[in-house]
PDB file of N, CA and C in Angstrom:
ATOM      1  N   MET A   1      20.778 -36.155  29.811  1.00  0.00           N
ATOM      2  CA  MET A   1      20.790 -35.270  28.678  1.00  0.00           C
ATOM      3  C   MET A   1      21.594 -34.026  29.051  1.00  0.00           C
ATOM      4  N   THR A   2      22.476 -33.630  28.163  1.00  0.00           N
ATOM      5  CA  THR A   2      23.318 -32.472  28.409  1.00  0.00           C
ATOM      6  C   THR A   2      22.691 -31.239  27.778  1.00  0.00           C
ATOM      7  N   ARG A   3      22.619 -30.168  28.538  1.00  0.00           N
ATOM      8  CA  ARG A   3      22.094 -28.915  28.006  1.00  0.00           C
ATOM      9  C   ARG A   3      23.255 -28.044  27.561  1.00  0.00           C
ATOM     10  N   HIS A   4      23.079 -27.447  26.423  1.00  0.00           N
ATOM     11  CA  HIS A   4      24.081 -26.528  25.914  1.00  0.00           C
ATOM     12  C   HIS A   4      23.606 -25.107  26.158  1.00  0.00           C
ATOM     13  N   ALA A   5      24.525 -24.299  26.603  1.00  0.00           N
ATOM     14  CA  ALA A   5      24.174 -22.893  26.841  1.00  0.00           C
ATOM     15  C   ALA A   5      23.981 -22.187  25.504  1.00  0.00           C
ATOM     16  N   GLN A   6      22.946 -21.387  25.434  1.00  0.00           N
ATOM     17  CA  GLN A   6      22.690 -20.587  24.248  1.00  0.00           C
ATOM     18  C   GLN A   6      23.668 -19.413  24.227  1.00  0.00           C
ATOM     19  N   PRO A   7      24.207 -19.094  23.053  1.00  0.00           N
ATOM     20  CA  PRO A   7      25.102 -17.931  22.993  1.00  0.00           C
ATOM     21  C   PRO A   7      24.325 -16.659  23.317  1.00  0.00           C
ATOM     22  N   ALA A   8      24.988 -15.781  23.994  1.00  0.00           N
ATOM     23  CA  ALA A   8      24.343 -14.520  24.368  1.00  0.00           C
ATOM     24  C   ALA A   8      24.066 -13.699  23.119  1.00  0.00           C
ATOM     25  N   GLN A   9      22.866 -13.145  23.030  1.00  0.00           N
ATOM     26  CA  GLN A   9      22.495 -12.284  21.918  1.00  0.00           C
ATOM     27  C   GLN A   9      23.018 -10.879  22.191  1.00  0.00           C
ATOM     28  N   PRO A  10      23.617 -10.256  21.199  1.00  0.00           N
ATOM     29  CA  PRO A  10      24.083  -8.883  21.419  1.00  0.00           C
ATOM     30  C   PRO A  10      22.894  -7.962  21.650  1.00  0.00           C
ATOM     31  N   ALA A  11      23.081  -7.010  22.531  1.00  0.00           N
ATOM     32  CA  ALA A  11      22.010  -6.057  22.821  1.00  0.00           C
ATOM     33  C   ALA A  11      21.775  -5.194  21.597  1.00  0.00           C
ATOM     34  N   LYS A  12      20.497  -4.927  21.321  1.00  0.00           N
ATOM     35  CA  LYS A  12      20.168  -4.055  20.199  1.00  0.00           C
ATOM     36  C   LYS A  12      20.484  -2.621  20.583  1.00  0.00           C
ATOM     37  N   SER A  13      21.290  -2.004  19.766  1.00  0.00           N
ATOM     38  CA  SER A  13      21.593  -0.601  20.029  1.00  0.00           C
ATOM     39  C   SER A  13      20.546   0.246  19.320  1.00  0.00           C
ATOM     40  N   PRO A  14      20.175   1.379  19.905  1.00  0.00           N
ATOM     41  CA  PRO A  14      19.197   2.222  19.247  1.00  0.00           C
ATOM     42  C   PRO A  14      19.733   2.703  17.909  1.00  0.00           C
ATOM     43  N   ARG A  15      18.860   2.772  16.930  1.00  0.00           N
ATOM     44  CA  ARG A  15      19.252   3.226  15.611  1.00  0.00           C
ATOM     45  C   ARG A  15      19.604   4.705  15.665  1.00  0.00           C
ATOM     46  N   PRO A  16      20.715   5.088  15.040  1.00  0.00           N
ATOM     47  CA  PRO A  16      21.065   6.511  15.053  1.00  0.00           C
ATOM     48  C   PRO A  16      20.048   7.312  14.255  1.00  0.00           C
ATOM     49  N   PRO A  17      19.858   8.571  14.599  1.00  0.00           N
ATOM     50  CA  PRO A  17      18.900   9.387  13.867  1.00  0.00           C
ATOM     51  C   PRO A  17      19.330   9.565  12.414  1.00  0.00           C
ATOM     52  N   VAL A  18      18.355   9.621  11.519  1.00  0.00           N
ATOM     53  CA  VAL A  18      18.618   9.824  10.105  1.00  0.00           C
ATOM     54  C   VAL A  18      18.498  11.304   9.808  1.00  0.00           C
ATOM     55  N   ASN A  19      19.569  11.909   9.362  1.00  0.00           N
ATOM     56  CA  ASN A  19      19.560  13.326   8.987  1.00  0.00           C
ATOM     57  C   ASN A  19      19.024  14.221  10.085  1.00  0.00           C
ATOM     58  N   GLY A  20      19.324  13.909  11.330  1.00  0.00           N
ATOM     59  CA  GLY A  20      18.905  14.764  12.431  1.00  0.00           C
ATOM     60  C   GLY A  20      17.427  14.679  12.769  1.00  0.00           C
ATOM     61  N   LEU A  21      16.739  13.637  12.314  1.00  0.00           N
ATOM     62  CA  LEU A  21      15.304  13.509  12.574  1.00  0.00           C
ATOM     63  C   LEU A  21      15.084  12.565  13.755  1.00  0.00           C
ATOM     64  N   GLU A  22      15.589  12.956  14.920  1.00  0.00           N
ATOM     65  CA  GLU A  22      15.497  12.092  16.091  1.00  0.00           C
ATOM     66  C   GLU A  22      14.061  11.729  16.429  1.00  0.00           C
ATOM     67  N   GLY A  23      13.115  12.605  16.179  1.00  0.00           N
ATOM     68  CA  GLY A  23      11.731  12.383  16.562  1.00  0.00           C
ATOM     69  C   GLY A  23      10.975  11.412  15.697  1.00  0.00           C
ATOM     70  N   ILE A  24      11.558  10.951  14.586  1.00  0.00           N
ATOM     71  CA  ILE A  24      10.800  10.066  13.715  1.00  0.00           C
ATOM     72  C   ILE A  24      11.478   8.717  13.538  1.00  0.00           C
ATOM     73  N   GLN A  25      12.213   8.290  14.509  1.00  0.00           N
ATOM     74  CA  GLN A  25      12.794   6.962  14.492  1.00  0.00           C
ATOM     75  C   GLN A  25      11.844   6.008  15.204  1.00  0.00           C
ATOM     76  N   SER A  26      11.980   4.724  14.920  1.00  0.00           N
ATOM     77  CA  SER A  26      11.155   3.738  15.623  1.00  0.00           C
ATOM     78  C   SER A  26      11.386   3.886  17.115  1.00  0.00           C
ATOM     79  N   ASN A  27      10.304   3.967  17.875  1.00  0.00           N
ATOM     80  CA  ASN A  27      10.464   4.193  19.304  1.00  0.00           C
ATOM     81  C   ASN A  27      10.416   2.903  20.102  1.00  0.00           C
ATOM     82  N   GLY A  28       9.995   1.795  19.484  1.00  0.00           N
ATOM     83  CA  GLY A  28      10.051   0.504  20.129  1.00  0.00           C
ATOM     84  C   GLY A  28       9.062   0.294  21.257  1.00  0.00           C
ATOM     85  N   ASP A  29       8.193   1.253  21.531  1.00  0.00           N
ATOM     86  CA  ASP A  29       7.253   1.083  22.633  1.00  0.00           C
ATOM     87  C   ASP A  29       5.854   0.729  22.149  1.00  0.00           C
ATOM     88  N   GLY A  30       5.703   0.391  20.884  1.00  0.00           N
ATOM     89  CA  GLY A  30       4.427  -0.053  20.366  1.00  0.00           C
ATOM     90  C   GLY A  30       3.532   1.051  19.842  1.00  0.00           C
ATOM     91  N   ARG A  31       3.906   2.297  20.053  1.00  0.00           N
ATOM     92  CA  ARG A  31       3.089   3.393  19.533  1.00  0.00           C
ATOM     93  C   ARG A  31       3.376   3.588  18.048  1.00  0.00           C
ATOM     94  N   THR A  32       2.356   3.978  17.312  1.00  0.00           N
ATOM     95  CA  THR A  32       2.524   4.258  15.901  1.00  0.00           C
ATOM     96  C   THR A  32       3.133   5.642  15.724  1.00  0.00           C
ATOM     97  N   VAL A  33       4.193   5.708  14.950  1.00  0.00           N
ATOM     98  CA  VAL A  33       4.835   6.980  14.646  1.00  0.00           C
ATOM     99  C   VAL A  33       4.350   7.413  13.276  1.00  0.00           C
ATOM    100  N   LEU A  34       3.763   8.611  13.203  1.00  0.00           N
ATOM    101  CA  LEU A  34       3.262   9.140  11.942  1.00  0.00           C
ATOM    102  C   LEU A  34       4.176  10.256  11.443  1.00  0.00           C
ATOM    103  N   LEU A  35       4.437  10.239  10.146  1.00  0.00           N
ATOM    104  CA  LEU A  35       5.290  11.236   9.520  1.00  0.00           C
ATOM    105  C   LEU A  35       4.461  12.099   8.581  1.00  0.00           C
ATOM    106  N   THR A  36       4.855  13.343   8.443  1.00  0.00           N
ATOM    107  CA  THR A  36       4.272  14.201   7.421  1.00  0.00           C
ATOM    108  C   THR A  36       5.059  13.990   6.128  1.00  0.00           C
ATOM    109  N   ALA A  37       4.547  14.522   5.037  1.00  0.00           N
ATOM    110  CA  ALA A  37       5.276  14.445   3.771  1.00  0.00           C
ATOM    111  C   ALA A  37       6.607  15.183   3.889  1.00  0.00           C
ATOM    112  N   ASP A  38       6.625  16.290   4.629  1.00  0.00           N
ATOM    113  CA  ASP A  38       7.886  17.020   4.838  1.00  0.00           C
ATOM    114  C   ASP A  38       8.893  16.180   5.614  1.00  0.00           C
ATOM    115  N   ASP A  39       8.420  15.465   6.657  1.00  0.00           N
ATOM    116  CA  ASP A  39       9.310  14.570   7.410  1.00  0.00           C
ATOM    117  C   ASP A  39       9.913  13.521   6.479  1.00  0.00           C
ATOM    118  N   LEU A  40       9.051  12.962   5.639  1.00  0.00           N
ATOM    119  CA  LEU A  40       9.488  11.918   4.725  1.00  0.00           C
ATOM    120  C   LEU A  40      10.465  12.469   3.686  1.00  0.00           C
ATOM    121  N   ALA A  41      10.219  13.675   3.198  1.00  0.00           N
ATOM    122  CA  ALA A  41      11.141  14.304   2.236  1.00  0.00           C
ATOM    123  C   ALA A  41      12.519  14.498   2.868  1.00  0.00           C
ATOM    124  N   ARG A  42      12.552  14.938   4.124  1.00  0.00           N
ATOM    125  CA  ARG A  42      13.851  15.083   4.813  1.00  0.00           C
ATOM    126  C   ARG A  42      14.523  13.732   4.993  1.00  0.00           C
ATOM    127  N   ARG A  43      13.750  12.728   5.375  1.00  0.00           N
ATOM    128  CA  ARG A  43      14.291  11.379   5.572  1.00  0.00           C
ATOM    129  C   ARG A  43      14.923  10.857   4.286  1.00  0.00           C
ATOM    130  N   TRP A  44      14.268  11.131   3.155  1.00  0.00           N
ATOM    131  CA  TRP A  44      14.746  10.653   1.862  1.00  0.00           C
ATOM    132  C   TRP A  44      15.651  11.667   1.167  1.00  0.00           C
ATOM    133  N   GLN A  45      15.997  12.741   1.845  1.00  0.00           N
ATOM    134  CA  GLN A  45      16.885  13.775   1.331  1.00  0.00           C
ATOM    135  C   GLN A  45      16.384  14.358   0.010  1.00  0.00           C
ATOM    136  N   MET A  46      15.111  14.727   0.012  1.00  0.00           N
ATOM    137  CA  MET A  46      14.478  15.315  -1.163  1.00  0.00           C
ATOM    138  C   MET A  46      14.177  16.781  -0.880  1.00  0.00           C
ATOM    139  N   LYS A  47      14.254  17.617  -1.921  1.00  0.00           N
ATOM    140  CA  LYS A  47      13.995  19.046  -1.750  1.00  0.00           C
ATOM    141  C   LYS A  47      12.511  19.367  -1.681  1.00  0.00           C
ATOM    142  N   THR A  48      11.687  18.575  -2.370  1.00  0.00           N
ATOM    143  CA  THR A  48      10.239  18.835  -2.368  1.00  0.00           C
ATOM    144  C   THR A  48       9.486  17.561  -2.038  1.00  0.00           C
ATOM    145  N   THR A  49       8.191  17.711  -1.828  1.00  0.00           N
ATOM    146  CA  THR A  49       7.331  16.566  -1.514  1.00  0.00           C
ATOM    147  C   THR A  49       6.600  16.049  -2.746  1.00  0.00           C
ATOM    148  N   ASP A  50       6.906  16.589  -3.919  1.00  0.00           N
ATOM    149  CA  ASP A  50       6.190  16.198  -5.145  1.00  0.00           C
ATOM    150  C   ASP A  50       6.217  14.692  -5.380  1.00  0.00           C
ATOM    151  N   GLN A  51       7.385  14.087  -5.268  1.00  0.00           N
ATOM    152  CA  GLN A  51       7.516  12.640  -5.495  1.00  0.00           C
ATOM    153  C   GLN A  51       6.713  11.852  -4.458  1.00  0.00           C
ATOM    154  N   ILE A  52       6.705  12.303  -3.232  1.00  0.00           N
ATOM    155  CA  ILE A  52       5.971  11.614  -2.170  1.00  0.00           C
ATOM    156  C   ILE A  52       4.478  11.630  -2.470  1.00  0.00           C
ATOM    157  N   TYR A  53       3.960  12.787  -2.854  1.00  0.00           N
ATOM    158  CA  TYR A  53       2.542  12.870  -3.182  1.00  0.00           C
ATOM    159  C   TYR A  53       2.195  12.077  -4.444  1.00  0.00           C
ATOM    160  N   ARG A  54       3.121  11.998  -5.409  1.00  0.00           N
ATOM    161  CA  ARG A  54       2.884  11.179  -6.604  1.00  0.00           C
ATOM    162  C   ARG A  54       2.777   9.701  -6.222  1.00  0.00           C
ATOM    163  N   LEU A  55       3.706   9.219  -5.384  1.00  0.00           N
ATOM    164  CA  LEU A  55       3.658   7.831  -4.916  1.00  0.00           C
ATOM    165  C   LEU A  55       2.373   7.561  -4.143  1.00  0.00           C
ATOM    166  N   THR A  56       1.918   8.556  -3.390  1.00  0.00           N
ATOM    167  CA  THR A  56       0.671   8.425  -2.624  1.00  0.00           C
ATOM    168  C   THR A  56      -0.513   8.306  -3.578  1.00  0.00           C
ATOM    169  N   ARG A  57      -0.608   9.196  -4.559  1.00  0.00           N
ATOM    170  CA  ARG A  57      -1.721   9.160  -5.528  1.00  0.00           C
ATOM    171  C   ARG A  57      -1.762   7.847  -6.291  1.00  0.00           C
ATOM    172  N   GLU A  58      -0.591   7.311  -6.619  1.00  0.00           N
ATOM    173  CA  GLU A  58      -0.502   6.065  -7.377  1.00  0.00           C
ATOM    174  C   GLU A  58      -0.760   4.836  -6.503  1.00  0.00           C
ATOM    175  N   GLY A  59      -0.914   5.041  -5.197  1.00  0.00           N
ATOM    176  CA  GLY A  59      -1.176   3.919  -4.300  1.00  0.00           C
ATOM    177  C   GLY A  59       0.058   3.092  -3.979  1.00  0.00           C
ATOM    178  N   LYS A  60       1.227   3.598  -4.275  1.00  0.00           N
ATOM    179  CA  LYS A  60       2.463   2.854  -4.030  1.00  0.00           C
ATOM    180  C   LYS A  60       3.013   3.070  -2.627  1.00  0.00           C
ATOM    181  N   LEU A  61       2.611   4.160  -2.006  1.00  0.00           N
ATOM    182  CA  LEU A  61       3.089   4.492  -0.666  1.00  0.00           C
ATOM    183  C   LEU A  61       1.892   4.499   0.279  1.00  0.00           C
ATOM    184  N   PRO A  62       1.869   3.601   1.283  1.00  0.00           N
ATOM    185  CA  PRO A  62       0.731   3.547   2.202  1.00  0.00           C
ATOM    186  C   PRO A  62       0.549   4.865   2.947  1.00  0.00           C
ATOM    187  N   VAL A  63      -0.700   5.265   3.122  1.00  0.00           N
ATOM    188  CA  VAL A  63      -1.001   6.561   3.717  1.00  0.00           C
ATOM    189  C   VAL A  63      -2.120   6.417   4.741  1.00  0.00           C
ATOM    190  N   VAL A  64      -2.107   7.302   5.732  1.00  0.00           N
ATOM    191  CA  VAL A  64      -3.194   7.427   6.703  1.00  0.00           C
ATOM    192  C   VAL A  64      -3.838   8.775   6.423  1.00  0.00           C
ATOM    193  N   ARG A  65      -5.151   8.786   6.180  1.00  0.00           N
ATOM    194  CA  ARG A  65      -5.855  10.048   5.933  1.00  0.00           C
ATOM    195  C   ARG A  65      -6.426  10.560   7.241  1.00  0.00           C
ATOM    196  N   LEU A  66      -6.107  11.787   7.568  1.00  0.00           N
ATOM    197  CA  LEU A  66      -6.652  12.469   8.736  1.00  0.00           C
ATOM    198  C   LEU A  66      -7.336  13.728   8.219  1.00  0.00           C
ATOM    199  N   GLY A  67      -8.611  13.572   7.854  1.00  0.00           N
ATOM    200  CA  GLY A  67      -9.301  14.683   7.214  1.00  0.00           C
ATOM    201  C   GLY A  67      -8.652  14.957   5.874  1.00  0.00           C
ATOM    202  N   ARG A  68      -8.195  16.170   5.672  1.00  0.00           N
ATOM    203  CA  ARG A  68      -7.532  16.501   4.412  1.00  0.00           C
ATOM    204  C   ARG A  68      -6.029  16.278   4.455  1.00  0.00           C
ATOM    205  N   TYR A  69      -5.529  15.802   5.570  1.00  0.00           N
ATOM    206  CA  TYR A  69      -4.092  15.618   5.749  1.00  0.00           C
ATOM    207  C   TYR A  69      -3.680  14.177   5.491  1.00  0.00           C
ATOM    208  N   TYR A  70      -2.476  14.018   4.953  1.00  0.00           N
ATOM    209  CA  TYR A  70      -1.866  12.706   4.774  1.00  0.00           C
ATOM    210  C   TYR A  70      -0.782  12.525   5.821  1.00  0.00           C
ATOM    211  N   ARG A  71      -0.739  11.335   6.400  1.00  0.00           N
ATOM    212  CA  ARG A  71       0.341  10.957   7.303  1.00  0.00           C
ATOM    213  C   ARG A  71       0.815   9.568   6.893  1.00  0.00           C
ATOM    214  N   TYR A  72       2.066   9.300   7.185  1.00  0.00           N
ATOM    215  CA  TYR A  72       2.694   8.054   6.771  1.00  0.00           C
ATOM    216  C   TYR A  72       3.217   7.328   8.002  1.00  0.00           C
ATOM    217  N   ARG A  73       2.825   6.062   8.166  1.00  0.00           N
ATOM    218  CA  ARG A  73       3.311   5.267   9.299  1.00  0.00           C
ATOM    219  C   ARG A  73       4.780   4.932   9.078  1.00  0.00           C
ATOM    220  N   LEU A  74       5.594   5.192  10.099  1.00  0.00           N
ATOM    221  CA  LEU A  74       7.024   4.913  10.001  1.00  0.00           C
ATOM    222  C   LEU A  74       7.269   3.453   9.641  1.00  0.00           C
ATOM    223  N   GLU A  75       6.530   2.548  10.245  1.00  0.00           N
ATOM    224  CA  GLU A  75       6.715   1.122   9.967  1.00  0.00           C
ATOM    225  C   GLU A  75       6.452   0.811   8.497  1.00  0.00           C
ATOM    226  N   ALA A  76       5.403   1.404   7.916  1.00  0.00           N
ATOM    227  CA  ALA A  76       5.076   1.173   6.506  1.00  0.00           C
ATOM    228  C   ALA A  76       6.138   1.783   5.597  1.00  0.00           C
ATOM    229  N   VAL A  77       6.658   2.936   5.979  1.00  0.00           N
ATOM    230  CA  VAL A  77       7.719   3.580   5.203  1.00  0.00           C
ATOM    231  C   VAL A  77       8.966   2.702   5.215  1.00  0.00           C
ATOM    232  N   GLU A  78       9.297   2.137   6.366  1.00  0.00           N
ATOM    233  CA  GLU A  78      10.478   1.278   6.452  1.00  0.00           C
ATOM    234  C   GLU A  78      10.319   0.041   5.581  1.00  0.00           C
ATOM    235  N   VAL A  79       9.114  -0.551   5.542  1.00  0.00           N
ATOM    236  CA  VAL A  79       8.858  -1.702   4.672  1.00  0.00           C
ATOM    237  C   VAL A  79       9.017  -1.280   3.213  1.00  0.00           C
ATOM    238  N   PHE A  80       8.438  -0.144   2.857  1.00  0.00           N
ATOM    239  CA  PHE A  80       8.545   0.397   1.501  1.00  0.00           C
ATOM    240  C   PHE A  80      10.017   0.557   1.113  1.00  0.00           C
ATOM    241  N   GLU A  81      10.822   1.090   2.015  1.00  0.00           N
ATOM    242  CA  GLU A  81      12.252   1.280   1.755  1.00  0.00           C
ATOM    243  C   GLU A  81      12.967  -0.050   1.588  1.00  0.00           C
ATOM    244  N   LEU A  82      12.688  -1.008   2.489  1.00  0.00           N
ATOM    245  CA  LEU A  82      13.350  -2.312   2.430  1.00  0.00           C
ATOM    246  C   LEU A  82      13.012  -3.076   1.167  1.00  0.00           C
ATOM    247  N   GLU A  83      11.817  -2.842   0.639  1.00  0.00           N
ATOM    248  CA  GLU A  83      11.400  -3.511  -0.591  1.00  0.00           C
ATOM    249  C   GLU A  83      11.834  -2.731  -1.829  1.00  0.00           C
ATOM    250  N   GLY A  84      12.703  -1.779  -1.644  1.00  0.00           N
ATOM    251  CA  GLY A  84      13.242  -1.028  -2.762  1.00  0.00           C
ATOM    252  C   GLY A  84      12.284  -0.023  -3.355  1.00  0.00           C
ATOM    253  N   GLY A  85      11.313   0.404  -2.563  1.00  0.00           N
ATOM    254  CA  GLY A  85      10.353   1.385  -3.059  1.00  0.00           C
ATOM    255  C   GLY A  85       9.293   0.771  -3.938  1.00  0.00           C
ATOM    256  N   SER A  86       9.089  -0.531  -3.821  1.00  0.00           N
ATOM    257  CA  SER A  86       8.129  -1.212  -4.686  1.00  0.00           C
ATOM    258  C   SER A  86       7.089  -1.972  -3.881  1.00  0.00           C
ATOM    259  N   ALA A  87       6.737  -1.484  -2.701  1.00  0.00           N
ATOM    260  CA  ALA A  87       5.837  -2.215  -1.812  1.00  0.00           C
ATOM    261  C   ALA A  87       4.501  -2.535  -2.453  1.00  0.00           C
ATOM    262  N   ALA A  88       3.988  -1.662  -3.301  1.00  0.00           N
ATOM    263  CA  ALA A  88       2.667  -1.898  -3.884  1.00  0.00           C
ATOM    264  C   ALA A  88       2.748  -2.258  -5.365  1.00  0.00           C
ATOM    265  N   ASP A  89       3.946  -2.459  -5.900  1.00  0.00           N
ATOM    266  CA  ASP A  89       4.063  -2.836  -7.316  1.00  0.00           C
ATOM    267  C   ASP A  89       3.556  -4.253  -7.507  1.00  0.00           C
ATOM    268  N   GLY A  90       2.839  -4.476  -8.580  1.00  0.00           N
ATOM    269  CA  GLY A  90       2.254  -5.788  -8.839  1.00  0.00           C
ATOM    270  C   GLY A  90       3.024  -6.527  -9.787  1.00  0.00           C
TER     271      GLY A  90
END
């Protein structure tokens, strides 16, 4: 039986920072990265957090509650973005 060599996979290059937010990119080490509404507004190039809080209230944007504070998992935000902002639409 002849074995065929598998083509080499290109190395994954780190994703460039979005809008200078180097601290909120996927870190790849398994730790959960949490964003504030302000972080998310900068990521989405928004002037205010009003839309983010509206999506949160409507249950369309997954949230982590820490007492009275809201935080957003980077992984969940990326899924929300990839699905066109409709992650929780029925």
